[in-house]
């Protein structure tokens, strides 16, 4: 998912992204626009939707993603509605709306997406006991960071880089032999 972050200019809308795979899509792409009732919510609500997904009663409007333009600071998109829309104000201001990409379109690429690793166990050895479970993901300037929780409830931040972690999607686990190095108390 990505969120439209501002008003459009010449049919192009800036979007926030966070490893959402928009750049991996073959264009034109049939995706959806989620128009929330409150398009200018508190940051905590934005983060909750980004992490947990859309509310169950979300209304999705079919759109065609036509163009992606990478700028210096932000990605811009151009889209068309697949059919006339009802009960949504006629406006060019879609700020606060979410672009929702069907998982099937994302899985055609080589990328790894959060929905694939959320809830997976982190183990020191393949098939070994769980050291932690992936709860969240943070993007940093250098690399991604997995937010994990041990069986004892301790939050542990792990660098999501090949040198430290091996992801085995087929086995449904992440392997990190050096997990203990990231515990505050070294245990």
C-alpha atoms as a PDB file:
ATOM      1  CA  UNK A   1       0.000   0.000   0.000  1.00  0.00           C
ATOM      2  CA  UNK A   2       0.975   3.581  -0.522  1.00  0.00           C
ATOM      3  CA  UNK A   3      -0.765   6.784   0.534  1.00  0.00           C
ATOM      4  CA  UNK A   4      -1.438   9.825  -1.623  1.00  0.00           C
ATOM      5  CA  UNK A   5       0.479  12.543   0.189  1.00  0.00           C
ATOM      6  CA  UNK A   6      -0.646  15.718  -1.546  1.00  0.00           C
ATOM      7  CA  UNK A   7      -2.765  17.397  -4.175  1.00  0.00           C
ATOM      8  CA  UNK A   8      -2.273  16.519  -7.800  1.00  0.00           C
ATOM      9  CA  UNK A   9      -0.503  18.719 -10.311  1.00  0.00           C
ATOM     10  CA  UNK A  10      -1.138  18.045 -13.996  1.00  0.00           C
ATOM     11  CA  UNK A  11      -2.729  14.725 -13.089  1.00  0.00           C
ATOM     12  CA  UNK A  12       0.243  13.498 -11.047  1.00  0.00           C
ATOM     13  CA  UNK A  13      -0.129  12.791  -7.330  1.00  0.00           C
ATOM     14  CA  UNK A  14       2.719  12.422  -4.818  1.00  0.00           C
ATOM     15  CA  UNK A  15       2.651   9.221  -2.790  1.00  0.00           C
ATOM     16  CA  UNK A  16       4.396   7.939   0.292  1.00  0.00           C
ATOM     17  CA  UNK A  17       5.976   4.555  -0.101  1.00  0.00           C
ATOM     18  CA  UNK A  18       7.706   2.167   2.204  1.00  0.00           C
ATOM     19  CA  UNK A  19       8.753  -0.910   0.335  1.00  0.00           C
ATOM     20  CA  UNK A  20       5.278  -1.296  -1.107  1.00  0.00           C
ATOM     21  CA  UNK A  21       6.316  -2.523  -4.537  1.00  0.00           C
ATOM     22  CA  UNK A  22       4.695   0.116  -6.751  1.00  0.00           C
ATOM     23  CA  UNK A  23       7.866   0.383  -8.808  1.00  0.00           C
ATOM     24  CA  UNK A  24       7.753  -3.397  -9.396  1.00  0.00           C
ATOM     25  CA  UNK A  25       4.371  -3.285 -11.146  1.00  0.00           C
ATOM     26  CA  UNK A  26       3.920  -3.736 -14.876  1.00  0.00           C
ATOM     27  CA  UNK A  27       1.975  -0.692 -16.097  1.00  0.00           C
ATOM     28  CA  UNK A  28      -0.836  -0.179 -16.679  1.00  0.00           C
ATOM     29  CA  UNK A  29      -1.873  -2.028 -13.511  1.00  0.00           C
ATOM     30  CA  UNK A  30      -5.365  -2.659 -12.157  1.00  0.00           C
ATOM     31  CA  UNK A  31      -5.255  -1.674  -8.483  1.00  0.00           C
ATOM     32  CA  UNK A  32      -7.620  -0.053  -5.965  1.00  0.00           C
ATOM     33  CA  UNK A  33      -8.074   3.295  -4.266  1.00  0.00           C
ATOM     34  CA  UNK A  34      -9.274   3.306  -0.666  1.00  0.00           C
ATOM     35  CA  UNK A  35     -11.017   6.575   0.178  1.00  0.00           C
ATOM     36  CA  UNK A  36     -11.279   6.791   3.983  1.00  0.00           C
ATOM     37  CA  UNK A  37     -13.972   8.913   5.597  1.00  0.00           C
ATOM     38  CA  UNK A  38     -11.278  10.921   7.368  1.00  0.00           C
ATOM     39  CA  UNK A  39      -8.583  11.649   4.809  1.00  0.00           C
ATOM     40  CA  UNK A  40      -6.485  13.689   7.239  1.00  0.00           C
ATOM     41  CA  UNK A  41      -6.192  11.411  10.297  1.00  0.00           C
ATOM     42  CA  UNK A  42      -3.701  11.457  13.138  1.00  0.00           C
ATOM     43  CA  UNK A  43      -0.325   9.885  12.458  1.00  0.00           C
ATOM     44  CA  UNK A  44      -1.164   6.942  14.716  1.00  0.00           C
ATOM     45  CA  UNK A  45      -4.148   6.020  12.500  1.00  0.00           C
ATOM     46  CA  UNK A  46      -1.980   6.242   9.372  1.00  0.00           C
ATOM     47  CA  UNK A  47       0.611   3.969  10.936  1.00  0.00           C
ATOM     48  CA  UNK A  48      -2.060   1.485  12.045  1.00  0.00           C
ATOM     49  CA  UNK A  49      -3.520   1.225   8.529  1.00  0.00           C
ATOM     50  CA  UNK A  50      -0.058   0.906   7.012  1.00  0.00           C
ATOM     51  CA  UNK A  51       0.900  -1.863   9.450  1.00  0.00           C
ATOM     52  CA  UNK A  52      -2.381  -3.742   9.955  1.00  0.00           C
ATOM     53  CA  UNK A  53      -4.164  -3.108   6.681  1.00  0.00           C
ATOM     54  CA  UNK A  54      -7.495  -1.584   5.825  1.00  0.00           C
ATOM     55  CA  UNK A  55     -10.583  -1.672   8.014  1.00  0.00           C
ATOM     56  CA  UNK A  56     -12.954  -4.530   7.240  1.00  0.00           C
ATOM     57  CA  UNK A  57     -15.643  -2.203   5.878  1.00  0.00           C
ATOM     58  CA  UNK A  58     -13.210  -0.402   3.538  1.00  0.00           C
ATOM     59  CA  UNK A  59     -14.668   0.663   0.219  1.00  0.00           C
ATOM     60  CA  UNK A  60     -12.231   0.002  -2.609  1.00  0.00           C
ATOM     61  CA  UNK A  61     -12.577   1.883  -5.897  1.00  0.00           C
ATOM     62  CA  UNK A  62     -11.026   0.148  -8.946  1.00  0.00           C
ATOM     63  CA  UNK A  63      -8.425   2.295 -10.714  1.00  0.00           C
ATOM     64  CA  UNK A  64      -5.797   1.846 -13.408  1.00  0.00           C
ATOM     65  CA  UNK A  65      -2.311   2.954 -12.450  1.00  0.00           C
ATOM     66  CA  UNK A  66      -0.985   4.511 -15.659  1.00  0.00           C
ATOM     67  CA  UNK A  67       2.349   6.092 -14.810  1.00  0.00           C
ATOM     68  CA  UNK A  68       5.004   6.289 -12.072  1.00  0.00           C
ATOM     69  CA  UNK A  69       7.519   9.118 -11.944  1.00  0.00           C
ATOM     70  CA  UNK A  70      10.371   9.030  -9.466  1.00  0.00           C
ATOM     71  CA  UNK A  71      11.307  12.492  -8.247  1.00  0.00           C
ATOM     72  CA  UNK A  72      14.078  13.708  -5.998  1.00  0.00           C
ATOM     73  CA  UNK A  73      12.024  13.266  -2.838  1.00  0.00           C
ATOM     74  CA  UNK A  74       8.845  11.462  -3.769  1.00  0.00           C
ATOM     75  CA  UNK A  75       7.209   9.117  -6.198  1.00  0.00           C
ATOM     76  CA  UNK A  76       4.363  10.573  -8.283  1.00  0.00           C
ATOM     77  CA  UNK A  77       1.594   8.561  -9.890  1.00  0.00           C
ATOM     78  CA  UNK A  78      -1.035   9.010 -12.562  1.00  0.00           C
ATOM     79  CA  UNK A  79      -4.227   6.973 -12.487  1.00  0.00           C
ATOM     80  CA  UNK A  80      -7.684   6.728 -14.052  1.00  0.00           C
ATOM     81  CA  UNK A  81     -10.902   5.405 -12.579  1.00  0.00           C
ATOM     82  CA  UNK A  82     -12.092   2.189 -14.211  1.00  0.00           C
ATOM     83  CA  UNK A  83     -15.701   3.381 -14.066  1.00  0.00           C
ATOM     84  CA  UNK A  84     -17.577   6.449 -12.864  1.00  0.00           C
ATOM     85  CA  UNK A  85     -17.443   6.811  -9.095  1.00  0.00           C
ATOM     86  CA  UNK A  86     -20.417   7.499  -6.866  1.00  0.00           C
ATOM     87  CA  UNK A  87     -20.708   9.075  -3.426  1.00  0.00           C
ATOM     88  CA  UNK A  88     -17.218  10.564  -3.593  1.00  0.00           C
ATOM     89  CA  UNK A  89     -16.837  14.304  -4.117  1.00  0.00           C
ATOM     90  CA  UNK A  90     -15.758  15.275  -7.619  1.00  0.00           C
ATOM     91  CA  UNK A  91     -12.289  16.514  -6.846  1.00  0.00           C
ATOM     92  CA  UNK A  92      -8.681  16.317  -7.939  1.00  0.00           C
ATOM     93  CA  UNK A  93      -7.583  16.277  -4.314  1.00  0.00           C
ATOM     94  CA  UNK A  94      -7.103  12.640  -3.359  1.00  0.00           C
ATOM     95  CA  UNK A  95      -4.710  13.382  -0.508  1.00  0.00           C
ATOM     96  CA  UNK A  96      -5.119  10.861   2.294  1.00  0.00           C
ATOM     97  CA  UNK A  97      -6.403   8.097   0.014  1.00  0.00           C
ATOM     98  CA  UNK A  98      -4.568   4.776  -0.157  1.00  0.00           C
ATOM     99  CA  UNK A  99      -3.374   2.873  -3.205  1.00  0.00           C
ATOM    100  CA  UNK A 100      -3.968  -0.819  -2.633  1.00  0.00           C
ATOM    101  CA  UNK A 101      -2.140  -3.360  -4.763  1.00  0.00           C
ATOM    102  CA  UNK A 102      -3.522  -6.910  -4.943  1.00  0.00           C
ATOM    103  CA  UNK A 103      -1.030  -9.343  -3.420  1.00  0.00           C
ATOM    104  CA  UNK A 104      -1.039 -11.469  -6.578  1.00  0.00           C
ATOM    105  CA  UNK A 105       0.525  -8.573  -8.515  1.00  0.00           C
ATOM    106  CA  UNK A 106       3.268  -8.163  -5.917  1.00  0.00           C
ATOM    107  CA  UNK A 107       4.111 -11.846  -5.707  1.00  0.00           C
ATOM    108  CA  UNK A 108       5.059 -11.838  -9.401  1.00  0.00           C
ATOM    109  CA  UNK A 109       8.160  -9.788  -8.502  1.00  0.00           C
ATOM    110  CA  UNK A 110      11.362 -10.780  -6.715  1.00  0.00           C
ATOM    111  CA  UNK A 111      10.697  -8.470  -3.750  1.00  0.00           C
ATOM    112  CA  UNK A 112       9.869  -9.474  -0.201  1.00  0.00           C
ATOM    113  CA  UNK A 113       6.897  -7.744   1.378  1.00  0.00           C
ATOM    114  CA  UNK A 114       5.987  -7.274   5.009  1.00  0.00           C
ATOM    115  CA  UNK A 115       2.777  -9.291   4.729  1.00  0.00           C
ATOM    116  CA  UNK A 116       4.983 -12.292   3.834  1.00  0.00           C
ATOM    117  CA  UNK A 117       7.208 -12.067   6.926  1.00  0.00           C
ATOM    118  CA  UNK A 118       4.898 -10.679   9.598  1.00  0.00           C
ATOM    119  CA  UNK A 119       4.384 -13.326  12.263  1.00  0.00           C
ATOM    120  CA  UNK A 120       7.253 -15.532  11.078  1.00  0.00           C
ATOM    121  CA  UNK A 121       9.514 -16.992  13.739  1.00  0.00           C
ATOM    122  CA  UNK A 122      13.153 -15.937  14.042  1.00  0.00           C
ATOM    123  CA  UNK A 123      15.330 -18.933  14.901  1.00  0.00           C
ATOM    124  CA  UNK A 124      19.024 -19.416  15.578  1.00  0.00           C
ATOM    125  CA  UNK A 125      19.044 -22.624  13.465  1.00  0.00           C
ATOM    126  CA  UNK A 126      16.685 -23.947  10.771  1.00  0.00           C
ATOM    127  CA  UNK A 127      13.722 -25.666  12.397  1.00  0.00           C
ATOM    128  CA  UNK A 128      15.038 -24.784  15.857  1.00  0.00           C
ATOM    129  CA  UNK A 129      13.123 -23.216  18.722  1.00  0.00           C
ATOM    130  CA  UNK A 130      11.652 -19.736  18.238  1.00  0.00           C
ATOM    131  CA  UNK A 131      13.892 -16.926  19.489  1.00  0.00           C
ATOM    132  CA  UNK A 132      11.374 -14.249  18.479  1.00  0.00           C
ATOM    133  CA  UNK A 133       8.481 -13.467  16.152  1.00  0.00           C
ATOM    134  CA  UNK A 134       8.407 -10.671  13.539  1.00  0.00           C
ATOM    135  CA  UNK A 135       5.956  -8.002  14.707  1.00  0.00           C
ATOM    136  CA  UNK A 136       6.777  -4.971  12.561  1.00  0.00           C
ATOM    137  CA  UNK A 137       9.216  -3.460  10.086  1.00  0.00           C
ATOM    138  CA  UNK A 138      10.960  -0.082  10.092  1.00  0.00           C
ATOM    139  CA  UNK A 139      12.689   1.536   7.140  1.00  0.00           C
ATOM    140  CA  UNK A 140      15.907   3.368   7.965  1.00  0.00           C
ATOM    141  CA  UNK A 141      18.372   5.268   5.837  1.00  0.00           C
ATOM    142  CA  UNK A 142      20.786   2.338   5.767  1.00  0.00           C
ATOM    143  CA  UNK A 143      18.584  -0.788   5.760  1.00  0.00           C
ATOM    144  CA  UNK A 144      15.347  -2.250   7.024  1.00  0.00           C
ATOM    145  CA  UNK A 145      14.933  -3.201  10.668  1.00  0.00           C
ATOM    146  CA  UNK A 146      12.697  -6.000  11.910  1.00  0.00           C
ATOM    147  CA  UNK A 147      10.844  -5.353  15.149  1.00  0.00           C
ATOM    148  CA  UNK A 148      10.585  -8.725  16.866  1.00  0.00           C
ATOM    149  CA  UNK A 149       9.281  -9.990  20.190  1.00  0.00           C
ATOM    150  CA  UNK A 150      10.757 -12.861  22.177  1.00  0.00           C
ATOM    151  CA  UNK A 151       8.544 -15.490  23.860  1.00  0.00           C
ATOM    152  CA  UNK A 152       9.221 -13.568  27.110  1.00  0.00           C
ATOM    153  CA  UNK A 153       7.783 -10.367  25.618  1.00  0.00           C
ATOM    154  CA  UNK A 154      11.080  -8.535  25.041  1.00  0.00           C
ATOM    155  CA  UNK A 155      11.223  -6.349  21.915  1.00  0.00           C
ATOM    156  CA  UNK A 156      14.393  -6.906  19.881  1.00  0.00           C
ATOM    157  CA  UNK A 157      15.377  -4.860  16.819  1.00  0.00           C
ATOM    158  CA  UNK A 158      17.179  -6.850  14.120  1.00  0.00           C
ATOM    159  CA  UNK A 159      18.884  -5.582  10.939  1.00  0.00           C
ATOM    160  CA  UNK A 160      17.073  -7.034   7.932  1.00  0.00           C
ATOM    161  CA  UNK A 161      20.186  -7.577   5.821  1.00  0.00           C
ATOM    162  CA  UNK A 162      21.579 -10.737   4.247  1.00  0.00           C
ATOM    163  CA  UNK A 163      24.752 -10.647   6.349  1.00  0.00           C
ATOM    164  CA  UNK A 164      22.696 -11.184   9.530  1.00  0.00           C
ATOM    165  CA  UNK A 165      19.450 -12.933   8.579  1.00  0.00           C
ATOM    166  CA  UNK A 166      18.489 -15.645   6.115  1.00  0.00           C
ATOM    167  CA  UNK A 167      14.855 -15.618   5.005  1.00  0.00           C
ATOM    168  CA  UNK A 168      13.360 -18.980   4.063  1.00  0.00           C
ATOM    169  CA  UNK A 169       9.813 -18.258   2.883  1.00  0.00           C
ATOM    170  CA  UNK A 170       9.236 -21.886   1.896  1.00  0.00           C
ATOM    171  CA  UNK A 171       9.990 -23.033   5.457  1.00  0.00           C
ATOM    172  CA  UNK A 172       8.266 -19.989   6.950  1.00  0.00           C
ATOM    173  CA  UNK A 173      11.179 -18.841   9.090  1.00  0.00           C
ATOM    174  CA  UNK A 174      14.032 -16.379   9.432  1.00  0.00           C
ATOM    175  CA  UNK A 175      17.388 -17.772  10.546  1.00  0.00           C
ATOM    176  CA  UNK A 176      19.721 -15.614  12.621  1.00  0.00           C
ATOM    177  CA  UNK A 177      22.559 -17.546  14.310  1.00  0.00           C
ATOM    178  CA  UNK A 178      23.808 -14.346  16.010  1.00  0.00           C
ATOM    179  CA  UNK A 179      20.419 -13.460  17.557  1.00  0.00           C
ATOM    180  CA  UNK A 180      21.903 -13.237  21.077  1.00  0.00           C
ATOM    181  CA  UNK A 181      24.144 -10.340  20.012  1.00  0.00           C
ATOM    182  CA  UNK A 182      21.056  -8.162  19.660  1.00  0.00           C
ATOM    183  CA  UNK A 183      19.647  -8.808  23.122  1.00  0.00           C
ATOM    184  CA  UNK A 184      20.270  -5.950  25.552  1.00  0.00           C
ATOM    185  CA  UNK A 185      21.563  -8.270  28.254  1.00  0.00           C
ATOM    186  CA  UNK A 186      23.485 -10.537  25.863  1.00  0.00           C
ATOM    187  CA  UNK A 187      21.491 -13.636  26.824  1.00  0.00           C
END
